[in-house]
Amino acid sequence: MQLNTNKSDNATHDFLKSDRGRADILAIQEPYIDSKGRTRALPHLRVIYPTGHVEHFGSPTRPRTRSLIMIHTRIATNNWTQLDIQCADMTAIQLTTTSGTYRIFNIY
């Protein structure tokens, strides 16, 4: 599933609630980010921020994060890895399944 939440906490919350845990991967553009540099997520979701988001949050030289990916915990962590892309507008993962290897990009 994919949605641009326009930096809204309410829109993020409503989107996550409406999914009810059905989607394995969620791609969010313009996510809500709180004062600690985190978005909202439900316990069954792992949040993947763009490379460098956590280390550089709040830096005046780092652009605002405008993309992230959430992965359901039913996908084992050894089946995916974050791709290192130095861009606040892009988050990417590589997913390995029995049918092959896939790269998923969320681009603002």
PDB file of N, CA and C in Angstrom:
ATOM      1  N   MET A   1       0.841  -1.176   0.000  1.00  0.00           N
ATOM      2  CA  MET A   1       0.000   0.000   0.000  1.00  0.00           C
ATOM      3  C   MET A   1       0.880   1.231   0.000  1.00  0.00           C
ATOM      4  N   GLN A   2       0.377   2.303  -0.565  1.00  0.00           N
ATOM      5  CA  GLN A   2       1.131   3.543  -0.677  1.00  0.00           C
ATOM      6  C   GLN A   2       0.219   4.723  -0.406  1.00  0.00           C
ATOM      7  N   LEU A   3       0.768   5.765   0.268  1.00  0.00           N
ATOM      8  CA  LEU A   3      -0.007   6.974   0.527  1.00  0.00           C
ATOM      9  C   LEU A   3       0.930   8.140   0.822  1.00  0.00           C
ATOM     10  N   ASN A   4       0.557   9.338   0.363  1.00  0.00           N
ATOM     11  CA  ASN A   4       1.209  10.576   0.766  1.00  0.00           C
ATOM     12  C   ASN A   4       0.360  11.137   1.904  1.00  0.00           C
ATOM     13  N   THR A   5       0.930  11.209   3.101  1.00  0.00           N
ATOM     14  CA  THR A   5       0.168  11.659   4.274  1.00  0.00           C
ATOM     15  C   THR A   5       0.295  13.155   4.525  1.00  0.00           C
ATOM     16  N   ASN A   6       1.017  13.859   3.670  1.00  0.00           N
ATOM     17  CA  ASN A   6       1.122  15.314   3.764  1.00  0.00           C
ATOM     18  C   ASN A   6       1.564  15.778   5.163  1.00  0.00           C
ATOM     19  N   LYS A   7       2.480  15.013   5.773  1.00  0.00           N
ATOM     20  CA  LYS A   7       3.066  15.329   7.092  1.00  0.00           C
ATOM     21  C   LYS A   7       2.043  15.335   8.226  1.00  0.00           C
ATOM     22  N   SER A   8       0.887  14.739   8.016  1.00  0.00           N
ATOM     23  CA  SER A   8      -0.189  14.777   9.000  1.00  0.00           C
ATOM     24  C   SER A   8      -0.153  13.566   9.924  1.00  0.00           C
ATOM     25  N   ASP A   9      -0.128  13.828  11.232  1.00  0.00           N
ATOM     26  CA  ASP A   9      -0.193  12.755  12.221  1.00  0.00           C
ATOM     27  C   ASP A   9      -1.517  12.002  12.079  1.00  0.00           C
ATOM     28  N   ASN A  10      -2.622  12.731  11.918  1.00  0.00           N
ATOM     29  CA  ASN A  10      -3.941  12.102  11.785  1.00  0.00           C
ATOM     30  C   ASN A  10      -4.025  11.226  10.537  1.00  0.00           C
ATOM     31  N   ALA A  11      -3.514  11.718   9.414  1.00  0.00           N
ATOM     32  CA  ALA A  11      -3.559  10.944   8.172  1.00  0.00           C
ATOM     33  C   ALA A  11      -2.729   9.669   8.307  1.00  0.00           C
ATOM     34  N   THR A  12      -1.570   9.764   8.945  1.00  0.00           N
ATOM     35  CA  THR A  12      -0.734   8.584   9.167  1.00  0.00           C
ATOM     36  C   THR A  12      -1.472   7.578  10.034  1.00  0.00           C
ATOM     37  N   HIS A  13      -2.039   8.045  11.132  1.00  0.00           N
ATOM     38  CA  HIS A  13      -2.781   7.178  12.046  1.00  0.00           C
ATOM     39  C   HIS A  13      -3.953   6.502  11.331  1.00  0.00           C
ATOM     40  N   ASP A  14      -4.736   7.269  10.593  1.00  0.00           N
ATOM     41  CA  ASP A  14      -5.899   6.719   9.883  1.00  0.00           C
ATOM     42  C   ASP A  14      -5.483   5.692   8.834  1.00  0.00           C
ATOM     43  N   PHE A  15      -4.387   5.966   8.126  1.00  0.00           N
ATOM     44  CA  PHE A  15      -3.887   5.038   7.110  1.00  0.00           C
ATOM     45  C   PHE A  15      -3.490   3.706   7.746  1.00  0.00           C
ATOM     46  N   LEU A  16      -2.762   3.774   8.847  1.00  0.00           N
ATOM     47  CA  LEU A  16      -2.318   2.551   9.521  1.00  0.00           C
ATOM     48  C   LEU A  16      -3.513   1.767  10.078  1.00  0.00           C
ATOM     49  N   LYS A  17      -4.473   2.486  10.658  1.00  0.00           N
ATOM     50  CA  LYS A  17      -5.670   1.825  11.191  1.00  0.00           C
ATOM     51  C   LYS A  17      -6.491   1.157  10.090  1.00  0.00           C
ATOM     52  N   SER A  18      -6.613   1.827   8.946  1.00  0.00           N
ATOM     53  CA  SER A  18      -7.445   1.298   7.865  1.00  0.00           C
ATOM     54  C   SER A  18      -6.847   0.040   7.241  1.00  0.00           C
ATOM     55  N   ASP A  19      -5.534  -0.107   7.323  1.00  0.00           N
ATOM     56  CA  ASP A  19      -4.881  -1.299   6.753  1.00  0.00           C
ATOM     57  C   ASP A  19      -5.200  -2.555   7.554  1.00  0.00           C
ATOM     58  N   ARG A  20      -5.354  -2.415   8.857  1.00  0.00           N
ATOM     59  CA  ARG A  20      -5.656  -3.533   9.763  1.00  0.00           C
ATOM     60  C   ARG A  20      -4.654  -4.696   9.660  1.00  0.00           C
ATOM     61  N   GLY A  21      -3.417  -4.386   9.323  1.00  0.00           N
ATOM     62  CA  GLY A  21      -2.376  -5.409   9.278  1.00  0.00           C
ATOM     63  C   GLY A  21      -2.394  -6.287   8.044  1.00  0.00           C
ATOM     64  N   ARG A  22      -3.163  -5.923   7.037  1.00  0.00           N
ATOM     65  CA  ARG A  22      -3.261  -6.751   5.830  1.00  0.00           C
ATOM     66  C   ARG A  22      -2.052  -6.620   4.923  1.00  0.00           C
ATOM     67  N   ALA A  23      -1.515  -5.416   4.785  1.00  0.00           N
ATOM     68  CA  ALA A  23      -0.397  -5.190   3.856  1.00  0.00           C
ATOM     69  C   ALA A  23       0.913  -5.635   4.481  1.00  0.00           C
ATOM     70  N   ASP A  24       1.761  -6.214   3.661  1.00  0.00           N
ATOM     71  CA  ASP A  24       3.094  -6.608   4.125  1.00  0.00           C
ATOM     72  C   ASP A  24       4.066  -5.442   4.095  1.00  0.00           C
ATOM     73  N   ILE A  25       3.893  -4.554   3.101  1.00  0.00           N
ATOM     74  CA  ILE A  25       4.798  -3.427   2.938  1.00  0.00           C
ATOM     75  C   ILE A  25       3.980  -2.158   2.686  1.00  0.00           C
ATOM     76  N   LEU A  26       4.277  -1.109   3.453  1.00  0.00           N
ATOM     77  CA  LEU A  26       3.618   0.188   3.283  1.00  0.00           C
ATOM     78  C   LEU A  26       4.673   1.205   2.857  1.00  0.00           C
ATOM     79  N   ALA A  27       4.356   1.992   1.840  1.00  0.00           N
ATOM     80  CA  ALA A  27       5.245   3.061   1.381  1.00  0.00           C
ATOM     81  C   ALA A  27       4.551   4.386   1.678  1.00  0.00           C
ATOM     82  N   ILE A  28       5.193   5.222   2.458  1.00  0.00           N
ATOM     83  CA  ILE A  28       4.580   6.493   2.858  1.00  0.00           C
ATOM     84  C   ILE A  28       5.464   7.645   2.396  1.00  0.00           C
ATOM     85  N   GLN A  29       4.842   8.604   1.715  1.00  0.00           N
ATOM     86  CA  GLN A  29       5.532   9.826   1.334  1.00  0.00           C
ATOM     87  C   GLN A  29       5.051  10.955   2.244  1.00  0.00           C
ATOM     88  N   GLU A  30       5.935  11.909   2.490  1.00  0.00           N
ATOM     89  CA  GLU A  30       5.688  13.024   3.407  1.00  0.00           C
ATOM     90  C   GLU A  30       5.121  12.516   4.740  1.00  0.00           C
ATOM     91  N   PRO A  31       5.857  11.609   5.401  1.00  0.00           N
ATOM     92  CA  PRO A  31       5.357  11.064   6.664  1.00  0.00           C
ATOM     93  C   PRO A  31       5.374  12.101   7.777  1.00  0.00           C
ATOM     94  N   TYR A  32       4.503  11.891   8.746  1.00  0.00           N
ATOM     95  CA  TYR A  32       4.551  12.685   9.975  1.00  0.00           C
ATOM     96  C   TYR A  32       5.825  12.290  10.719  1.00  0.00           C
ATOM     97  N   ILE A  33       6.609  13.272  11.135  1.00  0.00           N
ATOM     98  CA  ILE A  33       7.815  13.030  11.927  1.00  0.00           C
ATOM     99  C   ILE A  33       7.708  13.894  13.181  1.00  0.00           C
ATOM    100  N   ASP A  34       7.826  13.260  14.351  1.00  0.00           N
ATOM    101  CA  ASP A  34       7.690  14.028  15.596  1.00  0.00           C
ATOM    102  C   ASP A  34       8.993  14.746  15.949  1.00  0.00           C
ATOM    103  N   SER A  35       9.002  15.419  17.084  1.00  0.00           N
ATOM    104  CA  SER A  35      10.158  16.228  17.490  1.00  0.00           C
ATOM    105  C   SER A  35      11.394  15.389  17.811  1.00  0.00           C
ATOM    106  N   LYS A  36      11.211  14.077  17.970  1.00  0.00           N
ATOM    107  CA  LYS A  36      12.340  13.179  18.229  1.00  0.00           C
ATOM    108  C   LYS A  36      12.818  12.480  16.961  1.00  0.00           C
ATOM    109  N   GLY A  37      12.214  12.836  15.832  1.00  0.00           N
ATOM    110  CA  GLY A  37      12.650  12.264  14.562  1.00  0.00           C
ATOM    111  C   GLY A  37      12.001  10.947  14.209  1.00  0.00           C
ATOM    112  N   ARG A  38      10.912  10.620  14.863  1.00  0.00           N
ATOM    113  CA  ARG A  38      10.228   9.348  14.630  1.00  0.00           C
ATOM    114  C   ARG A  38       8.828   9.573  14.066  1.00  0.00           C
ATOM    115  N   THR A  39       8.351   8.590  13.317  1.00  0.00           N
ATOM    116  CA  THR A  39       6.982   8.621  12.826  1.00  0.00           C
ATOM    117  C   THR A  39       6.125   7.743  13.722  1.00  0.00           C
ATOM    118  N   ARG A  40       4.854   7.674  13.435  1.00  0.00           N
ATOM    119  CA  ARG A  40       3.952   6.774  14.154  1.00  0.00           C
ATOM    120  C   ARG A  40       3.935   5.429  13.445  1.00  0.00           C
ATOM    121  N   ALA A  41       3.913   4.359  14.217  1.00  0.00           N
ATOM    122  CA  ALA A  41       3.820   3.016  13.638  1.00  0.00           C
ATOM    123  C   ALA A  41       3.124   2.112  14.634  1.00  0.00           C
ATOM    124  N   LEU A  42       2.507   1.081  14.121  1.00  0.00           N
ATOM    125  CA  LEU A  42       1.873   0.081  14.976  1.00  0.00           C
ATOM    126  C   LEU A  42       2.905  -0.974  15.354  1.00  0.00           C
ATOM    127  N   PRO A  43       2.667  -1.724  16.448  1.00  0.00           N
ATOM    128  CA  PRO A  43       3.677  -2.680  16.941  1.00  0.00           C
ATOM    129  C   PRO A  43       4.088  -3.747  15.924  1.00  0.00           C
ATOM    130  N   HIS A  44       3.225  -4.066  14.972  1.00  0.00           N
ATOM    131  CA  HIS A  44       3.559  -5.118  14.007  1.00  0.00           C
ATOM    132  C   HIS A  44       4.312  -4.592  12.785  1.00  0.00           C
ATOM    133  N   LEU A  45       4.728  -3.325  12.818  1.00  0.00           N
ATOM    134  CA  LEU A  45       5.434  -2.725  11.682  1.00  0.00           C
ATOM    135  C   LEU A  45       6.841  -2.285  12.071  1.00  0.00           C
ATOM    136  N   ARG A  46       7.789  -2.581  11.189  1.00  0.00           N
ATOM    137  CA  ARG A  46       9.150  -2.080  11.338  1.00  0.00           C
ATOM    138  C   ARG A  46       9.296  -0.880  10.409  1.00  0.00           C
ATOM    139  N   VAL A  47       9.817   0.210  10.921  1.00  0.00           N
ATOM    140  CA  VAL A  47       9.940   1.434  10.130  1.00  0.00           C
ATOM    141  C   VAL A  47      11.354   1.527   9.554  1.00  0.00           C
ATOM    142  N   ILE A  48      11.416   1.746   8.237  1.00  0.00           N
ATOM    143  CA  ILE A  48      12.682   1.926   7.543  1.00  0.00           C
ATOM    144  C   ILE A  48      12.746   3.384   7.087  1.00  0.00           C
ATOM    145  N   TYR A  49      13.653   4.130   7.677  1.00  0.00           N
ATOM    146  CA  TYR A  49      13.849   5.534   7.315  1.00  0.00           C
ATOM    147  C   TYR A  49      14.916   5.619   6.223  1.00  0.00           C
ATOM    148  N   PRO A  50      14.959   6.724   5.489  1.00  0.00           N
ATOM    149  CA  PRO A  50      16.046   6.897   4.525  1.00  0.00           C
ATOM    150  C   PRO A  50      17.403   6.815   5.225  1.00  0.00           C
ATOM    151  N   THR A  51      18.399   6.361   4.505  1.00  0.00           N
ATOM    152  CA  THR A  51      19.750   6.275   5.045  1.00  0.00           C
ATOM    153  C   THR A  51      20.153   7.625   5.633  1.00  0.00           C
ATOM    154  N   GLY A  52      20.649   7.628   6.859  1.00  0.00           N
ATOM    155  CA  GLY A  52      21.123   8.849   7.506  1.00  0.00           C
ATOM    156  C   GLY A  52      20.067   9.618   8.273  1.00  0.00           C
ATOM    157  N   HIS A  53      18.810   9.202   8.210  1.00  0.00           N
ATOM    158  CA  HIS A  53      17.747   9.956   8.895  1.00  0.00           C
ATOM    159  C   HIS A  53      18.007  10.069  10.391  1.00  0.00           C
ATOM    160  N   VAL A  54      18.251   8.967  11.054  1.00  0.00           N
ATOM    161  CA  VAL A  54      18.408   8.959  12.509  1.00  0.00           C
ATOM    162  C   VAL A  54      19.660   9.736  12.916  1.00  0.00           C
ATOM    163  N   GLU A  55      20.765   9.522  12.199  1.00  0.00           N
ATOM    164  CA  GLU A  55      22.023  10.177  12.554  1.00  0.00           C
ATOM    165  C   GLU A  55      21.985  11.689  12.335  1.00  0.00           C
ATOM    166  N   HIS A  56      21.219  12.135  11.350  1.00  0.00           N
ATOM    167  CA  HIS A  56      21.254  13.546  10.972  1.00  0.00           C
ATOM    168  C   HIS A  56      19.947  14.288  11.217  1.00  0.00           C
ATOM    169  N   PHE A  57      19.005  13.685  11.958  1.00  0.00           N
ATOM    170  CA  PHE A  57      17.731  14.351  12.187  1.00  0.00           C
ATOM    171  C   PHE A  57      17.956  15.698  12.870  1.00  0.00           C
ATOM    172  N   GLY A  58      17.292  16.720  12.363  1.00  0.00           N
ATOM    173  CA  GLY A  58      17.386  18.053  12.938  1.00  0.00           C
ATOM    174  C   GLY A  58      18.549  18.879  12.426  1.00  0.00           C
ATOM    175  N   SER A  59      19.428  18.276  11.635  1.00  0.00           N
ATOM    176  CA  SER A  59      20.551  19.015  11.081  1.00  0.00           C
ATOM    177  C   SER A  59      20.049  20.028  10.056  1.00  0.00           C
ATOM    178  N   PRO A  60      20.515  21.262  10.131  1.00  0.00           N
ATOM    179  CA  PRO A  60      20.059  22.259   9.164  1.00  0.00           C
ATOM    180  C   PRO A  60      20.505  21.955   7.733  1.00  0.00           C
ATOM    181  N   THR A  61      21.504  21.087   7.581  1.00  0.00           N
ATOM    182  CA  THR A  61      21.981  20.754   6.236  1.00  0.00           C
ATOM    183  C   THR A  61      21.321  19.497   5.674  1.00  0.00           C
ATOM    184  N   ARG A  62      20.574  18.786   6.499  1.00  0.00           N
ATOM    185  CA  ARG A  62      19.906  17.563   6.051  1.00  0.00           C
ATOM    186  C   ARG A  62      18.473  17.888   5.645  1.00  0.00           C
ATOM    187  N   PRO A  63      18.067  17.562   4.423  1.00  0.00           N
ATOM    188  CA  PRO A  63      16.678  17.812   4.012  1.00  0.00           C
ATOM    189  C   PRO A  63      15.695  16.988   4.838  1.00  0.00           C
ATOM    190  N   ARG A  64      14.472  17.474   4.928  1.00  0.00           N
ATOM    191  CA  ARG A  64      13.411  16.769   5.641  1.00  0.00           C
ATOM    192  C   ARG A  64      13.148  15.408   4.997  1.00  0.00           C
ATOM    193  N   THR A  65      12.960  14.386   5.822  1.00  0.00           N
ATOM    194  CA  THR A  65      12.625  13.048   5.327  1.00  0.00           C
ATOM    195  C   THR A  65      11.253  13.076   4.674  1.00  0.00           C
ATOM    196  N   ARG A  66      11.192  12.628   3.419  1.00  0.00           N
ATOM    197  CA  ARG A  66       9.915  12.651   2.699  1.00  0.00           C
ATOM    198  C   ARG A  66       9.510  11.281   2.181  1.00  0.00           C
ATOM    199  N   SER A  67      10.158  10.240   2.663  1.00  0.00           N
ATOM    200  CA  SER A  67       9.746   8.891   2.279  1.00  0.00           C
ATOM    201  C   SER A  67      10.165   7.918   3.374  1.00  0.00           C
ATOM    202  N   LEU A  68       9.374   6.894   3.560  1.00  0.00           N
ATOM    203  CA  LEU A  68       9.766   5.790   4.430  1.00  0.00           C
ATOM    204  C   LEU A  68       8.993   4.545   4.021  1.00  0.00           C
ATOM    205  N   ILE A  69       9.468   3.414   4.496  1.00  0.00           N
ATOM    206  CA  ILE A  69       8.830   2.124   4.229  1.00  0.00           C
ATOM    207  C   ILE A  69       8.557   1.469   5.576  1.00  0.00           C
ATOM    208  N   MET A  70       7.397   0.848   5.694  1.00  0.00           N
ATOM    209  CA  MET A  70       7.075   0.047   6.876  1.00  0.00           C
ATOM    210  C   MET A  70       6.901  -1.397   6.422  1.00  0.00           C
ATOM    211  N   ILE A  71       7.514  -2.323   7.162  1.00  0.00           N
ATOM    212  CA  ILE A  71       7.472  -3.743   6.814  1.00  0.00           C
ATOM    213  C   ILE A  71       6.816  -4.507   7.950  1.00  0.00           C
ATOM    214  N   HIS A  72       5.830  -5.325   7.615  1.00  0.00           N
ATOM    215  CA  HIS A  72       5.126  -6.139   8.616  1.00  0.00           C
ATOM    216  C   HIS A  72       6.100  -7.133   9.241  1.00  0.00           C
ATOM    217  N   THR A  73       5.945  -7.374  10.535  1.00  0.00           N
ATOM    218  CA  THR A  73       6.849  -8.286  11.247  1.00  0.00           C
ATOM    219  C   THR A  73       6.721  -9.734  10.779  1.00  0.00           C
ATOM    220  N   ARG A  74       5.660 -10.059  10.035  1.00  0.00           N
ATOM    221  CA  ARG A  74       5.560 -11.437   9.524  1.00  0.00           C
ATOM    222  C   ARG A  74       6.592 -11.713   8.426  1.00  0.00           C
ATOM    223  N   ILE A  75       7.232 -10.654   7.903  1.00  0.00           N
ATOM    224  CA  ILE A  75       8.350 -10.829   6.972  1.00  0.00           C
ATOM    225  C   ILE A  75       9.622 -10.841   7.814  1.00  0.00           C
ATOM    226  N   ALA A  76      10.293 -11.963   7.836  1.00  0.00           N
ATOM    227  CA  ALA A  76      11.487 -12.124   8.669  1.00  0.00           C
ATOM    228  C   ALA A  76      12.575 -11.133   8.270  1.00  0.00           C
ATOM    229  N   THR A  77      13.285 -10.624   9.265  1.00  0.00           N
ATOM    230  CA  THR A  77      14.321  -9.623   8.993  1.00  0.00           C
ATOM    231  C   THR A  77      15.468 -10.180   8.146  1.00  0.00           C
ATOM    232  N   ASN A  78      15.654 -11.486   8.132  1.00  0.00           N
ATOM    233  CA  ASN A  78      16.714 -12.046   7.287  1.00  0.00           C
ATOM    234  C   ASN A  78      16.267 -12.203   5.825  1.00  0.00           C
ATOM    235  N   ASN A  79      15.016 -11.804   5.514  1.00  0.00           N
ATOM    236  CA  ASN A  79      14.524 -11.847   4.131  1.00  0.00           C
ATOM    237  C   ASN A  79      14.591 -10.491   3.441  1.00  0.00           C
ATOM    238  N   TRP A  80      14.986  -9.466   4.151  1.00  0.00           N
ATOM    239  CA  TRP A  80      15.087  -8.142   3.528  1.00  0.00           C
ATOM    240  C   TRP A  80      16.250  -7.358   4.124  1.00  0.00           C
ATOM    241  N   THR A  81      16.713  -6.395   3.357  1.00  0.00           N
ATOM    242  CA  THR A  81      17.762  -5.503   3.815  1.00  0.00           C
ATOM    243  C   THR A  81      17.519  -4.120   3.228  1.00  0.00           C
ATOM    244  N   GLN A  82      17.884  -3.088   3.979  1.00  0.00           N
ATOM    245  CA  GLN A  82      17.744  -1.728   3.470  1.00  0.00           C
ATOM    246  C   GLN A  82      18.870  -1.458   2.481  1.00  0.00           C
ATOM    247  N   LEU A  83      18.522  -0.801   1.378  1.00  0.00           N
ATOM    248  CA  LEU A  83      19.530  -0.392   0.410  1.00  0.00           C
ATOM    249  C   LEU A  83      20.050   0.995   0.812  1.00  0.00           C
ATOM    250  N   ASP A  84      21.350   1.171   0.728  1.00  0.00           N
ATOM    251  CA  ASP A  84      21.986   2.424   1.138  1.00  0.00           C
ATOM    252  C   ASP A  84      21.865   3.459   0.019  1.00  0.00           C
ATOM    253  N   ILE A  85      20.904   4.368   0.182  1.00  0.00           N
ATOM    254  CA  ILE A  85      20.687   5.447  -0.781  1.00  0.00           C
ATOM    255  C   ILE A  85      20.724   6.749   0.001  1.00  0.00           C
ATOM    256  N   GLN A  86      21.649   7.600  -0.326  1.00  0.00           N
ATOM    257  CA  GLN A  86      21.862   8.855   0.409  1.00  0.00           C
ATOM    258  C   GLN A  86      20.926   9.953  -0.106  1.00  0.00           C
ATOM    259  N   CYS A  87      19.639   9.806   0.186  1.00  0.00           N
ATOM    260  CA  CYS A  87      18.652  10.771  -0.291  1.00  0.00           C
ATOM    261  C   CYS A  87      17.450  10.750   0.654  1.00  0.00           C
ATOM    262  N   ALA A  88      17.051  11.911   1.171  1.00  0.00           N
ATOM    263  CA  ALA A  88      15.913  11.994   2.090  1.00  0.00           C
ATOM    264  C   ALA A  88      14.586  11.729   1.387  1.00  0.00           C
ATOM    265  N   ASP A  89      14.601  11.766   0.052  1.00  0.00           N
ATOM    266  CA  ASP A  89      13.379  11.552  -0.730  1.00  0.00           C
ATOM    267  C   ASP A  89      13.218  10.103  -1.200  1.00  0.00           C
ATOM    268  N   MET A  90      14.120   9.221  -0.788  1.00  0.00           N
ATOM    269  CA  MET A  90      14.052   7.851  -1.288  1.00  0.00           C
ATOM    270  C   MET A  90      14.426   6.848  -0.199  1.00  0.00           C
ATOM    271  N   THR A  91      13.607   5.822  -0.081  1.00  0.00           N
ATOM    272  CA  THR A  91      13.869   4.702   0.811  1.00  0.00           C
ATOM    273  C   THR A  91      13.755   3.447  -0.035  1.00  0.00           C
ATOM    274  N   ALA A  92      14.643   2.483   0.189  1.00  0.00           N
ATOM    275  CA  ALA A  92      14.615   1.279  -0.637  1.00  0.00           C
ATOM    276  C   ALA A  92      15.032   0.062   0.177  1.00  0.00           C
ATOM    277  N   ILE A  93      14.428  -1.071  -0.187  1.00  0.00           N
ATOM    278  CA  ILE A  93      14.785  -2.341   0.432  1.00  0.00           C
ATOM    279  C   ILE A  93      14.990  -3.387  -0.661  1.00  0.00           C
ATOM    280  N   GLN A  94      15.718  -4.427  -0.309  1.00  0.00           N
ATOM    281  CA  GLN A  94      15.827  -5.601  -1.163  1.00  0.00           C
ATOM    282  C   GLN A  94      15.186  -6.752  -0.420  1.00  0.00           C
ATOM    283  N   LEU A  95      14.223  -7.377  -1.052  1.00  0.00           N
ATOM    284  CA  LEU A  95      13.434  -8.450  -0.453  1.00  0.00           C
ATOM    285  C   LEU A  95      13.743  -9.757  -1.172  1.00  0.00           C
ATOM    286  N   THR A  96      14.067 -10.796  -0.415  1.00  0.00           N
ATOM    287  CA  THR A  96      14.350 -12.104  -0.994  1.00  0.00           C
ATOM    288  C   THR A  96      13.246 -13.069  -0.588  1.00  0.00           C
ATOM    289  N   THR A  97      12.632 -13.690  -1.597  1.00  0.00           N
ATOM    290  CA  THR A  97      11.564 -14.661  -1.368  1.00  0.00           C
ATOM    291  C   THR A  97      11.899 -15.944  -2.114  1.00  0.00           C
ATOM    292  N   THR A  98      11.048 -16.943  -1.974  1.00  0.00           N
ATOM    293  CA  THR A  98      11.261 -18.198  -2.690  1.00  0.00           C
ATOM    294  C   THR A  98      11.109 -18.020  -4.201  1.00  0.00           C
ATOM    295  N   SER A  99      10.426 -16.967  -4.626  1.00  0.00           N
ATOM    296  CA  SER A  99      10.241 -16.738  -6.063  1.00  0.00           C
ATOM    297  C   SER A  99      11.275 -15.780  -6.651  1.00  0.00           C
ATOM    298  N   GLY A 100      12.171 -15.244  -5.833  1.00  0.00           N
ATOM    299  CA  GLY A 100      13.205 -14.370  -6.365  1.00  0.00           C
ATOM    300  C   GLY A 100      13.566 -13.227  -5.436  1.00  0.00           C
ATOM    301  N   THR A 101      14.418 -12.352  -5.952  1.00  0.00           N
ATOM    302  CA  THR A 101      14.861 -11.175  -5.217  1.00  0.00           C
ATOM    303  C   THR A 101      14.257  -9.944  -5.867  1.00  0.00           C
ATOM    304  N   TYR A 102      13.711  -9.058  -5.036  1.00  0.00           N
ATOM    305  CA  TYR A 102      13.036  -7.860  -5.524  1.00  0.00           C
ATOM    306  C   TYR A 102      13.598  -6.640  -4.816  1.00  0.00           C
ATOM    307  N   ARG A 103      13.664  -5.546  -5.546  1.00  0.00           N
ATOM    308  CA  ARG A 103      14.032  -4.264  -4.952  1.00  0.00           C
ATOM    309  C   ARG A 103      12.808  -3.370  -4.991  1.00  0.00           C
ATOM    310  N   ILE A 104      12.490  -2.809  -3.834  1.00  0.00           N
ATOM    311  CA  ILE A 104      11.321  -1.939  -3.706  1.00  0.00           C
ATOM    312  C   ILE A 104      11.820  -0.545  -3.341  1.00  0.00           C
ATOM    313  N   PHE A 105      11.420   0.434  -4.145  1.00  0.00           N
ATOM    314  CA  PHE A 105      11.820   1.816  -3.938  1.00  0.00           C
ATOM    315  C   PHE A 105      10.589   2.659  -3.603  1.00  0.00           C
ATOM    316  N   ASN A 106      10.713   3.497  -2.598  1.00  0.00           N
ATOM    317  CA  ASN A 106       9.689   4.498  -2.300  1.00  0.00           C
ATOM    318  C   ASN A 106      10.333   5.839  -2.580  1.00  0.00           C
ATOM    319  N   ILE A 107       9.844   6.517  -3.616  1.00  0.00           N
ATOM    320  CA  ILE A 107      10.442   7.764  -4.072  1.00  0.00           C
ATOM    321  C   ILE A 107       9.411   8.883  -3.970  1.00  0.00           C
ATOM    322  N   TYR A 108       9.797   9.953  -3.291  1.00  0.00           N
ATOM    323  CA  TYR A 108       8.914  11.101  -3.163  1.00  0.00           C
ATOM    324  C   TYR A 108       8.905  11.866  -4.463  1.00  0.00           C
TER     325      TYR A 108
END
